[in-house]
Amino acid sequence: MDRPVELVGVPMDLGADRRGVDMGPSAIRYGGLADQLESIGLACRDGGDLTVPRPEGRDPDASGQLGGTAKYLTETRTVCERLAERVTEIRESGNFPLILGGDHSIAIGTGNGSSHDGSTGVLWLDAHGDINTPETTPSGNVHGMPVAALLGLGPFEGLSWAHAPEIPAENVAQVGIRTLDEGEETAIRETDVTTYTMTDIDERGITTVVEEAVDVATAGVDNLYVSLDMDFLDPDEAPGVGTPVRGGASYREAHAAMELMYEKAGEKMCALDVVEVNPILDEHNRTAELACELAASALGDQIL
């Protein structure tokens, strides 16, 4: 990584039922992210936070009709359009965008900003598939839809703020999945998305799975966008997340995944977001501090 890193916070929790992830960017900064990046020789600039509408006084269902339910859809669109523009500007300036969430719906913005100038693969590290549409979602929460939005599935097809045509489904690789809704299972079967579950990691090991996932995500594309949901890790390692699911990656597996990704494809990486840190549920800011460590590993920090 020879580009200066620019931090952008997106303090949004409109995409989730549980409050608190809007404080994630502040917690990650407080955890020492800039210092960690500078300690490995990366220039780091903090671009501040995007302005995000507050849910108070708003009707979550007022604008959520896309042939289904998507709560706070108009507000989410506004934020994701701002973020896509910001990511594009950062990349065009020669810097590297590191986006701090916020709930995972912000990946719609990061993904569109990452893919504005060429074909882009996605490495998606998460407990959840996030490939529901407004027609299949059991909750209406948009943080469960960003993969579907980027791929233009269902009602998202052709929506310029959501659908990113330069992200081919065959170059989307999900790692660490351990809970899927019925509609998500169908979507994964019917698309070319490649999904590696925690069972795959148990059986084959994190090294083999991540190496293969990176190969899938980078095959024949110009760029690689990496999206890290902190619930990729087991709650024993990262208790302060928006939607914890038992049985996730260990501390060392998560670092190995980031280190391998950088080793294999660091030159193609065009953006990284780290999302779903919830300080309300955390213990002494340990999840945010771990998020800082993993971001540094993704950007080149190594033991030796």
C-alpha atoms as a PDB file:
ATOM      1  CA  MET A   1       0.000   0.000   0.000  1.00  0.00           C
ATOM      2  CA  ASP A   2       1.680   3.153  -1.208  1.00  0.00           C
ATOM      3  CA  ARG A   3      -1.360   5.429  -1.191  1.00  0.00           C
ATOM      4  CA  PRO A   4      -2.355   7.771   1.631  1.00  0.00           C
ATOM      5  CA  VAL A   5      -5.385   6.469   3.510  1.00  0.00           C
ATOM      6  CA  GLU A   6      -8.402   8.727   3.934  1.00  0.00           C
ATOM      7  CA  LEU A   7     -10.909   7.872   6.663  1.00  0.00           C
ATOM      8  CA  VAL A   8     -14.602   8.587   6.224  1.00  0.00           C
ATOM      9  CA  GLY A   9     -17.126   7.900   8.958  1.00  0.00           C
ATOM     10  CA  VAL A  10     -20.734   7.025   8.158  1.00  0.00           C
ATOM     11  CA  PRO A  11     -22.597   7.126  11.487  1.00  0.00           C
ATOM     12  CA  MET A  12     -25.751   5.408  10.275  1.00  0.00           C
ATOM     13  CA  ASP A  13     -28.025   2.889  11.934  1.00  0.00           C
ATOM     14  CA  LEU A  14     -31.083   3.345   9.723  1.00  0.00           C
ATOM     15  CA  GLY A  15     -30.500  -0.051   8.135  1.00  0.00           C
ATOM     16  CA  ALA A  16     -30.830  -2.033  11.367  1.00  0.00           C
ATOM     17  CA  ASP A  17     -33.372  -2.607  14.124  1.00  0.00           C
ATOM     18  CA  ARG A  18     -30.884  -2.218  16.971  1.00  0.00           C
ATOM     19  CA  ARG A  19     -29.520   1.222  17.768  1.00  0.00           C
ATOM     20  CA  GLY A  20     -25.851   1.924  18.456  1.00  0.00           C
ATOM     21  CA  VAL A  21     -23.843   1.223  15.307  1.00  0.00           C
ATOM     22  CA  ASP A  22     -24.093   4.918  14.444  1.00  0.00           C
ATOM     23  CA  MET A  23     -21.440   5.384  17.142  1.00  0.00           C
ATOM     24  CA  GLY A  24     -19.119   2.893  15.452  1.00  0.00           C
ATOM     25  CA  PRO A  25     -16.965   5.431  13.580  1.00  0.00           C
ATOM     26  CA  SER A  26     -16.191   7.339  16.778  1.00  0.00           C
ATOM     27  CA  ALA A  27     -15.377   4.138  18.654  1.00  0.00           C
ATOM     28  CA  ILE A  28     -12.999   2.957  15.922  1.00  0.00           C
ATOM     29  CA  ARG A  29     -11.233   6.306  15.850  1.00  0.00           C
ATOM     30  CA  TYR A  30     -10.964   6.236  19.637  1.00  0.00           C
ATOM     31  CA  GLY A  31      -9.497   2.744  19.335  1.00  0.00           C
ATOM     32  CA  GLY A  32      -6.428   4.253  17.689  1.00  0.00           C
ATOM     33  CA  LEU A  33      -6.931   3.558  13.994  1.00  0.00           C
ATOM     34  CA  ALA A  34      -4.927   6.503  12.672  1.00  0.00           C
ATOM     35  CA  ASP A  35      -1.997   5.730  14.983  1.00  0.00           C
ATOM     36  CA  GLN A  36      -1.962   2.084  13.900  1.00  0.00           C
ATOM     37  CA  LEU A  37      -1.925   2.995  10.231  1.00  0.00           C
ATOM     38  CA  GLU A  38       0.796   5.578  10.701  1.00  0.00           C
ATOM     39  CA  SER A  39       2.865   3.047  12.659  1.00  0.00           C
ATOM     40  CA  ILE A  40       3.097   0.879   9.527  1.00  0.00           C
ATOM     41  CA  GLY A  41       4.173   3.820   7.399  1.00  0.00           C
ATOM     42  CA  LEU A  42       0.832   4.883   5.934  1.00  0.00           C
ATOM     43  CA  ALA A  43      -0.083   8.543   5.738  1.00  0.00           C
ATOM     44  CA  CYS A  44      -3.565   8.913   7.200  1.00  0.00           C
ATOM     45  CA  ARG A  45      -6.031  11.734   6.746  1.00  0.00           C
ATOM     46  CA  ASP A  46      -9.361  11.875   8.552  1.00  0.00           C
ATOM     47  CA  GLY A  47     -12.057  13.274   6.284  1.00  0.00           C
ATOM     48  CA  GLY A  48     -14.650  13.420   9.044  1.00  0.00           C
ATOM     49  CA  ASP A  49     -18.172  12.012   8.993  1.00  0.00           C
ATOM     50  CA  LEU A  50     -20.899  12.182   6.398  1.00  0.00           C
ATOM     51  CA  THR A  51     -24.126  13.809   7.514  1.00  0.00           C
ATOM     52  CA  VAL A  52     -26.732  11.124   8.182  1.00  0.00           C
ATOM     53  CA  PRO A  53     -30.467  11.706   8.790  1.00  0.00           C
ATOM     54  CA  ARG A  54     -31.670  10.727  12.237  1.00  0.00           C
ATOM     55  CA  PRO A  55     -34.526   8.216  12.555  1.00  0.00           C
ATOM     56  CA  GLU A  56     -36.362  10.214  15.193  1.00  0.00           C
ATOM     57  CA  GLY A  57     -39.590  11.650  13.846  1.00  0.00           C
ATOM     58  CA  ARG A  58     -39.369   9.714  10.580  1.00  0.00           C
ATOM     59  CA  ASP A  59     -41.670   6.987   9.326  1.00  0.00           C
ATOM     60  CA  PRO A  60     -39.517   3.975   8.402  1.00  0.00           C
ATOM     61  CA  ASP A  61     -42.159   2.705   5.991  1.00  0.00           C
ATOM     62  CA  ALA A  62     -42.965   5.997   4.285  1.00  0.00           C
ATOM     63  CA  SER A  63     -40.617   5.428   1.373  1.00  0.00           C
ATOM     64  CA  GLY A  64     -39.921   1.728   1.494  1.00  0.00           C
ATOM     65  CA  GLN A  65     -41.987   0.475  -1.400  1.00  0.00           C
ATOM     66  CA  LEU A  66     -39.961  -1.262  -4.099  1.00  0.00           C
ATOM     67  CA  GLY A  67     -42.415  -4.073  -4.547  1.00  0.00           C
ATOM     68  CA  GLY A  68     -41.710  -4.995  -0.934  1.00  0.00           C
ATOM     69  CA  THR A  69     -40.412  -3.503   2.304  1.00  0.00           C
ATOM     70  CA  ALA A  70     -37.218  -1.532   2.805  1.00  0.00           C
ATOM     71  CA  LYS A  71     -37.181   0.704   5.867  1.00  0.00           C
ATOM     72  CA  TYR A  72     -35.803   4.244   5.597  1.00  0.00           C
ATOM     73  CA  LEU A  73     -35.086   3.665   1.935  1.00  0.00           C
ATOM     74  CA  THR A  74     -35.086   7.336   0.895  1.00  0.00           C
ATOM     75  CA  GLU A  75     -32.713   8.248   3.725  1.00  0.00           C
ATOM     76  CA  THR A  76     -30.470   5.276   2.919  1.00  0.00           C
ATOM     77  CA  ARG A  77     -30.368   6.287  -0.718  1.00  0.00           C
ATOM     78  CA  THR A  78     -29.319   9.828   0.227  1.00  0.00           C
ATOM     79  CA  VAL A  79     -26.451   8.615   2.402  1.00  0.00           C
ATOM     80  CA  CYS A  80     -25.261   6.000  -0.094  1.00  0.00           C
ATOM     81  CA  GLU A  81     -25.242   8.524  -2.934  1.00  0.00           C
ATOM     82  CA  ARG A  82     -23.144  10.887  -0.808  1.00  0.00           C
ATOM     83  CA  LEU A  83     -20.791   8.070   0.123  1.00  0.00           C
ATOM     84  CA  ALA A  84     -20.389   6.838  -3.462  1.00  0.00           C
ATOM     85  CA  GLU A  85     -19.469  10.368  -4.516  1.00  0.00           C
ATOM     86  CA  ARG A  86     -17.007  10.694  -1.626  1.00  0.00           C
ATOM     87  CA  VAL A  87     -15.340   7.338  -2.361  1.00  0.00           C
ATOM     88  CA  THR A  88     -15.014   8.314  -6.023  1.00  0.00           C
ATOM     89  CA  GLU A  89     -13.428  11.651  -5.106  1.00  0.00           C
ATOM     90  CA  ILE A  90     -10.952  10.012  -2.735  1.00  0.00           C
ATOM     91  CA  ARG A  91      -9.885   7.476  -5.321  1.00  0.00           C
ATOM     92  CA  GLU A  92      -9.539  10.092  -8.038  1.00  0.00           C
ATOM     93  CA  SER A  93      -7.289  12.126  -5.737  1.00  0.00           C
ATOM     94  CA  GLY A  94      -4.929   9.159  -5.458  1.00  0.00           C
ATOM     95  CA  ASN A  95      -5.862   8.270  -1.880  1.00  0.00           C
ATOM     96  CA  PHE A  96      -7.302   5.045  -0.499  1.00  0.00           C
ATOM     97  CA  PRO A  97     -10.812   5.201   1.049  1.00  0.00           C
ATOM     98  CA  LEU A  98     -11.261   3.464   4.406  1.00  0.00           C
ATOM     99  CA  ILE A  99     -14.923   3.732   5.367  1.00  0.00           C
ATOM    100  CA  LEU A 100     -16.055   3.362   8.975  1.00  0.00           C
ATOM    101  CA  GLY A 101     -19.623   2.244   9.650  1.00  0.00           C
ATOM    102  CA  GLY A 102     -22.329   2.392  10.611  1.00  0.00           C
ATOM    103  CA  ASP A 103     -24.572  -0.467   9.537  1.00  0.00           C
ATOM    104  CA  HIS A 104     -23.802  -2.576   6.485  1.00  0.00           C
ATOM    105  CA  SER A 105     -26.270  -0.791   4.206  1.00  0.00           C
ATOM    106  CA  ILE A 106     -23.493   1.762   3.630  1.00  0.00           C
ATOM    107  CA  ALA A 107     -21.746  -0.843   1.462  1.00  0.00           C
ATOM    108  CA  ILE A 108     -24.149   0.164  -1.300  1.00  0.00           C
ATOM    109  CA  GLY A 109     -22.356   3.509  -1.380  1.00  0.00           C
ATOM    110  CA  THR A 110     -18.849   2.127  -0.991  1.00  0.00           C
ATOM    111  CA  GLY A 111     -19.463  -0.473  -3.689  1.00  0.00           C
ATOM    112  CA  ASN A 112     -20.752   2.059  -6.195  1.00  0.00           C
ATOM    113  CA  GLY A 113     -17.881   4.433  -5.501  1.00  0.00           C
ATOM    114  CA  SER A 114     -15.400   1.582  -5.853  1.00  0.00           C
ATOM    115  CA  SER A 115     -16.670   0.435  -9.232  1.00  0.00           C
ATOM    116  CA  HIS A 116     -17.128   3.705 -11.095  1.00  0.00           C
ATOM    117  CA  ASP A 117     -13.993   3.250 -13.195  1.00  0.00           C
ATOM    118  CA  GLY A 118     -13.832  -0.439 -14.046  1.00  0.00           C
ATOM    119  CA  SER A 119     -14.856  -3.987 -13.236  1.00  0.00           C
ATOM    120  CA  THR A 120     -14.683  -4.658  -9.492  1.00  0.00           C
ATOM    121  CA  GLY A 121     -14.734  -7.819  -7.428  1.00  0.00           C
ATOM    122  CA  VAL A 122     -15.997  -7.966  -3.866  1.00  0.00           C
ATOM    123  CA  LEU A 123     -14.625  -9.872  -0.879  1.00  0.00           C
ATOM    124  CA  TRP A 124     -17.433  -9.907   1.674  1.00  0.00           C
ATOM    125  CA  LEU A 125     -16.547 -11.068   5.211  1.00  0.00           C
ATOM    126  CA  ASP A 126     -19.710 -11.466   7.235  1.00  0.00           C
ATOM    127  CA  ALA A 127     -21.878 -13.779   9.293  1.00  0.00           C
ATOM    128  CA  HIS A 128     -24.818 -12.911   7.034  1.00  0.00           C
ATOM    129  CA  GLY A 129     -25.444 -13.166   3.313  1.00  0.00           C
ATOM    130  CA  ASP A 130     -26.934  -9.646   3.058  1.00  0.00           C
ATOM    131  CA  ILE A 131     -28.551 -10.668  -0.220  1.00  0.00           C
ATOM    132  CA  ASN A 132     -32.204 -10.169   0.665  1.00  0.00           C
ATOM    133  CA  THR A 133     -34.343  -7.895  -1.473  1.00  0.00           C
ATOM    134  CA  PRO A 134     -37.346  -5.826  -0.379  1.00  0.00           C
ATOM    135  CA  GLU A 135     -39.452  -8.746  -1.629  1.00  0.00           C
ATOM    136  CA  THR A 136     -37.696 -11.468   0.358  1.00  0.00           C
ATOM    137  CA  THR A 137     -36.629  -9.714   3.564  1.00  0.00           C
ATOM    138  CA  PRO A 138     -38.313 -10.900   6.772  1.00  0.00           C
ATOM    139  CA  SER A 139     -37.418  -7.650   8.580  1.00  0.00           C
ATOM    140  CA  GLY A 140     -37.306  -4.844   6.013  1.00  0.00           C
ATOM    141  CA  ASN A 141     -33.860  -3.837   7.293  1.00  0.00           C
ATOM    142  CA  VAL A 142     -31.650  -2.578   4.472  1.00  0.00           C
ATOM    143  CA  HIS A 143     -28.434  -3.738   6.163  1.00  0.00           C
ATOM    144  CA  GLY A 144     -29.534  -7.205   5.030  1.00  0.00           C
ATOM    145  CA  MET A 145     -29.745  -6.115   1.370  1.00  0.00           C
ATOM    146  CA  PRO A 146     -26.493  -4.475   0.169  1.00  0.00           C
ATOM    147  CA  VAL A 147     -25.226  -7.439  -1.876  1.00  0.00           C
ATOM    148  CA  ALA A 148     -28.603  -7.723  -3.605  1.00  0.00           C
ATOM    149  CA  ALA A 149     -28.619  -3.970  -4.216  1.00  0.00           C
ATOM    150  CA  LEU A 150     -25.132  -3.907  -5.741  1.00  0.00           C
ATOM    151  CA  LEU A 151     -26.025  -6.820  -8.026  1.00  0.00           C
ATOM    152  CA  GLY A 152     -29.354  -5.276  -9.040  1.00  0.00           C
ATOM    153  CA  LEU A 153     -31.472  -8.174  -7.829  1.00  0.00           C
ATOM    154  CA  GLY A 154     -35.250  -7.918  -7.685  1.00  0.00           C
ATOM    155  CA  PRO A 155     -36.551  -4.344  -7.334  1.00  0.00           C
ATOM    156  CA  PHE A 156     -32.972  -3.006  -7.203  1.00  0.00           C
ATOM    157  CA  GLU A 157     -32.436  -3.788 -10.878  1.00  0.00           C
ATOM    158  CA  GLY A 158     -31.564  -0.642 -12.790  1.00  0.00           C
ATOM    159  CA  LEU A 159     -31.627   1.680  -9.763  1.00  0.00           C
ATOM    160  CA  SER A 160     -28.601   3.859 -10.472  1.00  0.00           C
ATOM    161  CA  TRP A 161     -27.848   4.642  -6.812  1.00  0.00           C
ATOM    162  CA  ALA A 162     -27.901   0.960  -5.795  1.00  0.00           C
ATOM    163  CA  HIS A 163     -27.128  -1.325  -8.729  1.00  0.00           C
ATOM    164  CA  ALA A 164     -23.419  -1.359  -9.640  1.00  0.00           C
ATOM    165  CA  PRO A 165     -23.193  -2.976 -13.108  1.00  0.00           C
ATOM    166  CA  GLU A 166     -19.391  -3.117 -12.945  1.00  0.00           C
ATOM    167  CA  ILE A 167     -19.595  -5.612 -10.064  1.00  0.00           C
ATOM    168  CA  PRO A 168     -20.143  -9.041 -11.682  1.00  0.00           C
ATOM    169  CA  ALA A 169     -21.901 -11.622  -9.499  1.00  0.00           C
ATOM    170  CA  GLU A 170     -19.236 -14.173 -10.410  1.00  0.00           C
ATOM    171  CA  ASN A 171     -16.660 -11.924  -8.726  1.00  0.00           C
ATOM    172  CA  VAL A 172     -18.497 -11.656  -5.407  1.00  0.00           C
ATOM    173  CA  ALA A 173     -17.026 -13.992  -2.781  1.00  0.00           C
ATOM    174  CA  GLN A 174     -18.566 -14.198   0.677  1.00  0.00           C
ATOM    175  CA  VAL A 175     -16.578 -15.679   3.583  1.00  0.00           C
ATOM    176  CA  GLY A 176     -17.715 -16.693   7.066  1.00  0.00           C
ATOM    177  CA  ILE A 177     -21.442 -17.005   6.350  1.00  0.00           C
ATOM    178  CA  ARG A 178     -23.367 -18.874   9.024  1.00  0.00           C
ATOM    179  CA  THR A 179     -26.938 -17.608   8.893  1.00  0.00           C
ATOM    180  CA  LEU A 180     -29.143 -17.143   5.826  1.00  0.00           C
ATOM    181  CA  ASP A 181     -32.803 -16.377   5.320  1.00  0.00           C
ATOM    182  CA  GLU A 182     -34.757 -18.554   2.926  1.00  0.00           C
ATOM    183  CA  GLY A 183     -34.793 -15.882   0.237  1.00  0.00           C
ATOM    184  CA  GLU A 184     -31.041 -15.479   0.551  1.00  0.00           C
ATOM    185  CA  GLU A 185     -30.461 -19.195   0.059  1.00  0.00           C
ATOM    186  CA  THR A 186     -32.487 -18.990  -3.140  1.00  0.00           C
ATOM    187  CA  ALA A 187     -30.623 -15.900  -4.351  1.00  0.00           C
ATOM    188  CA  ILE A 188     -27.233 -17.514  -3.806  1.00  0.00           C
ATOM    189  CA  ARG A 189     -28.309 -20.635  -5.692  1.00  0.00           C
ATOM    190  CA  GLU A 190     -29.703 -18.603  -8.582  1.00  0.00           C
ATOM    191  CA  THR A 191     -26.769 -16.195  -8.982  1.00  0.00           C
ATOM    192  CA  ASP A 192     -23.056 -16.680  -9.564  1.00  0.00           C
ATOM    193  CA  VAL A 193     -22.138 -15.428  -6.080  1.00  0.00           C
ATOM    194  CA  THR A 194     -19.639 -17.740  -4.352  1.00  0.00           C
ATOM    195  CA  THR A 195     -20.339 -18.322  -0.669  1.00  0.00           C
ATOM    196  CA  TYR A 196     -17.968 -19.924   1.822  1.00  0.00           C
ATOM    197  CA  THR A 197     -19.657 -20.811   5.100  1.00  0.00           C
ATOM    198  CA  MET A 198     -18.037 -21.342   8.476  1.00  0.00           C
ATOM    199  CA  THR A 199     -18.385 -25.053   7.759  1.00  0.00           C
ATOM    200  CA  ASP A 200     -16.061 -24.583   4.789  1.00  0.00           C
ATOM    201  CA  ILE A 201     -13.571 -22.843   7.074  1.00  0.00           C
ATOM    202  CA  ASP A 202     -13.869 -25.621   9.665  1.00  0.00           C
ATOM    203  CA  GLU A 203     -13.298 -28.319   7.056  1.00  0.00           C
ATOM    204  CA  ARG A 204     -10.702 -26.663   4.819  1.00  0.00           C
ATOM    205  CA  GLY A 205      -9.051 -24.023   6.991  1.00  0.00           C
ATOM    206  CA  ILE A 206      -9.083 -20.242   6.759  1.00  0.00           C
ATOM    207  CA  THR A 207      -5.991 -20.092   4.542  1.00  0.00           C
ATOM    208  CA  THR A 208      -7.381 -22.293   1.792  1.00  0.00           C
ATOM    209  CA  VAL A 209     -10.803 -20.642   1.866  1.00  0.00           C
ATOM    210  CA  VAL A 210      -9.534 -17.059   1.761  1.00  0.00           C
ATOM    211  CA  GLU A 211      -6.985 -17.769  -0.961  1.00  0.00           C
ATOM    212  CA  GLU A 212      -9.723 -19.299  -3.103  1.00  0.00           C
ATOM    213  CA  ALA A 213     -12.157 -16.488  -2.297  1.00  0.00           C
ATOM    214  CA  VAL A 214      -9.628 -13.833  -3.313  1.00  0.00           C
ATOM    215  CA  ASP A 215      -8.986 -15.698  -6.568  1.00  0.00           C
ATOM    216  CA  VAL A 216     -12.731 -15.697  -7.274  1.00  0.00           C
ATOM    217  CA  ALA A 217     -13.130 -12.011  -6.417  1.00  0.00           C
ATOM    218  CA  THR A 218     -10.156 -10.834  -8.486  1.00  0.00           C
ATOM    219  CA  ALA A 219     -10.424 -13.055 -11.566  1.00  0.00           C
ATOM    220  CA  GLY A 220     -10.448 -10.821 -14.655  1.00  0.00           C
ATOM    221  CA  VAL A 221     -11.417  -7.584 -12.873  1.00  0.00           C
ATOM    222  CA  ASP A 222      -9.632  -4.275 -12.399  1.00  0.00           C
ATOM    223  CA  ASN A 223     -10.352  -3.616  -8.720  1.00  0.00           C
ATOM    224  CA  LEU A 224     -11.112  -5.348  -5.438  1.00  0.00           C
ATOM    225  CA  TYR A 225     -13.465  -3.900  -2.831  1.00  0.00           C
ATOM    226  CA  VAL A 226     -13.262  -5.491   0.631  1.00  0.00           C
ATOM    227  CA  SER A 227     -16.152  -5.232   3.074  1.00  0.00           C
ATOM    228  CA  LEU A 228     -15.588  -6.393   6.661  1.00  0.00           C
ATOM    229  CA  ASP A 229     -18.575  -6.774   8.956  1.00  0.00           C
ATOM    230  CA  MET A 230     -17.227  -7.256  12.467  1.00  0.00           C
ATOM    231  CA  ASP A 231     -19.800  -9.992  13.081  1.00  0.00           C
ATOM    232  CA  PHE A 232     -17.563 -12.103  10.818  1.00  0.00           C
ATOM    233  CA  LEU A 233     -15.823 -12.838  14.123  1.00  0.00           C
ATOM    234  CA  ASP A 234     -17.256 -14.898  16.927  1.00  0.00           C
ATOM    235  CA  PRO A 235     -19.010 -12.799  19.607  1.00  0.00           C
ATOM    236  CA  ASP A 236     -16.448 -14.021  22.146  1.00  0.00           C
ATOM    237  CA  GLU A 237     -13.865 -12.094  20.127  1.00  0.00           C
ATOM    238  CA  ALA A 238     -16.058  -9.178  19.019  1.00  0.00           C
ATOM    239  CA  PRO A 239     -19.023  -8.736  21.368  1.00  0.00           C
ATOM    240  CA  GLY A 240     -19.881  -5.200  20.271  1.00  0.00           C
ATOM    241  CA  VAL A 241     -21.526  -5.791  16.909  1.00  0.00           C
ATOM    242  CA  GLY A 242     -24.933  -5.018  15.471  1.00  0.00           C
ATOM    243  CA  THR A 243     -26.126  -8.591  14.929  1.00  0.00           C
ATOM    244  CA  PRO A 244     -23.906 -11.146  16.695  1.00  0.00           C
ATOM    245  CA  VAL A 245     -24.014 -14.808  15.626  1.00  0.00           C
ATOM    246  CA  ARG A 246     -22.199 -17.539  17.502  1.00  0.00           C
ATOM    247  CA  GLY A 247     -19.681 -19.744  15.731  1.00  0.00           C
ATOM    248  CA  GLY A 248     -17.669 -17.105  13.890  1.00  0.00           C
ATOM    249  CA  ALA A 249     -14.019 -16.626  13.055  1.00  0.00           C
ATOM    250  CA  SER A 250     -11.409 -16.568  15.780  1.00  0.00           C
ATOM    251  CA  TYR A 251      -9.044 -13.675  16.427  1.00  0.00           C
ATOM    252  CA  ARG A 252      -6.206 -15.366  14.567  1.00  0.00           C
ATOM    253  CA  GLU A 253      -8.418 -16.539  11.676  1.00  0.00           C
ATOM    254  CA  ALA A 254      -9.625 -12.974  11.132  1.00  0.00           C
ATOM    255  CA  HIS A 255      -6.090 -11.606  11.054  1.00  0.00           C
ATOM    256  CA  ALA A 256      -4.979 -14.408   8.747  1.00  0.00           C
ATOM    257  CA  ALA A 257      -7.822 -13.564   6.378  1.00  0.00           C
ATOM    258  CA  MET A 258      -6.817  -9.898   6.217  1.00  0.00           C
ATOM    259  CA  GLU A 259      -3.125 -10.668   5.843  1.00  0.00           C
ATOM    260  CA  LEU A 260      -3.727 -13.199   3.065  1.00  0.00           C
ATOM    261  CA  MET A 261      -6.038 -10.845   1.232  1.00  0.00           C
ATOM    262  CA  TYR A 262      -3.400  -8.104   1.287  1.00  0.00           C
ATOM    263  CA  GLU A 263      -0.632 -10.498   0.255  1.00  0.00           C
ATOM    264  CA  LYS A 264      -2.589 -11.840  -2.712  1.00  0.00           C
ATOM    265  CA  ALA A 265      -4.462  -8.780  -3.905  1.00  0.00           C
ATOM    266  CA  GLY A 266      -3.338  -5.654  -2.101  1.00  0.00           C
ATOM    267  CA  GLU A 267      -2.399  -3.973  -5.369  1.00  0.00           C
ATOM    268  CA  LYS A 268      -5.962  -4.382  -6.664  1.00  0.00           C
ATOM    269  CA  MET A 269      -7.715  -3.238  -3.504  1.00  0.00           C
ATOM    270  CA  CYS A 270      -9.539   0.021  -4.149  1.00  0.00           C
ATOM    271  CA  ALA A 271     -11.606   0.456  -0.963  1.00  0.00           C
ATOM    272  CA  LEU A 272     -12.208  -1.092   2.449  1.00  0.00           C
ATOM    273  CA  ASP A 273     -15.116  -0.627   4.776  1.00  0.00           C
ATOM    274  CA  VAL A 274     -15.386  -1.828   8.375  1.00  0.00           C
ATOM    275  CA  VAL A 275     -18.948  -1.889   9.651  1.00  0.00           C
ATOM    276  CA  GLU A 276     -21.404  -2.866  12.400  1.00  0.00           C
ATOM    277  CA  VAL A 277     -19.329  -1.909  15.457  1.00  0.00           C
ATOM    278  CA  ASN A 278     -21.820  -1.231  18.262  1.00  0.00           C
ATOM    279  CA  PRO A 279     -20.170   0.398  21.307  1.00  0.00           C
ATOM    280  CA  ILE A 280     -23.349  -0.012  23.380  1.00  0.00           C
ATOM    281  CA  LEU A 281     -22.849  -3.781  23.321  1.00  0.00           C
ATOM    282  CA  ASP A 282     -19.057  -3.714  23.508  1.00  0.00           C
ATOM    283  CA  GLU A 283     -16.706  -4.415  26.426  1.00  0.00           C
ATOM    284  CA  HIS A 284     -14.137  -1.657  27.069  1.00  0.00           C
ATOM    285  CA  ASN A 285     -14.088  -0.811  23.327  1.00  0.00           C
ATOM    286  CA  ARG A 286     -12.432  -4.151  22.510  1.00  0.00           C
ATOM    287  CA  THR A 287     -14.424  -4.693  19.291  1.00  0.00           C
ATOM    288  CA  ALA A 288     -13.500  -1.257  17.980  1.00  0.00           C
ATOM    289  CA  GLU A 289      -9.843  -1.837  18.878  1.00  0.00           C
ATOM    290  CA  LEU A 290      -9.952  -5.174  17.062  1.00  0.00           C
ATOM    291  CA  ALA A 291     -11.481  -3.405  14.060  1.00  0.00           C
ATOM    292  CA  CYS A 292      -8.428  -1.118  14.033  1.00  0.00           C
ATOM    293  CA  GLU A 293      -6.072  -4.097  14.126  1.00  0.00           C
ATOM    294  CA  LEU A 294      -7.865  -5.876  11.284  1.00  0.00           C
ATOM    295  CA  ALA A 295      -7.954  -2.756   9.122  1.00  0.00           C
ATOM    296  CA  ALA A 296      -4.198  -2.402   9.621  1.00  0.00           C
ATOM    297  CA  SER A 297      -3.682  -6.069   8.660  1.00  0.00           C
ATOM    298  CA  ALA A 298      -5.768  -5.519   5.523  1.00  0.00           C
ATOM    299  CA  LEU A 299      -3.498  -2.606   4.614  1.00  0.00           C
ATOM    300  CA  GLY A 300      -0.203  -4.376   5.063  1.00  0.00           C
ATOM    301  CA  ASP A 301       0.566  -4.780   8.765  1.00  0.00           C
ATOM    302  CA  GLN A 302       2.432  -8.049   9.373  1.00  0.00           C
ATOM    303  CA  ILE A 303       4.088  -9.776  12.298  1.00  0.00           C
ATOM    304  CA  LEU A 304       7.446  -9.800  10.508  1.00  0.00           C
END
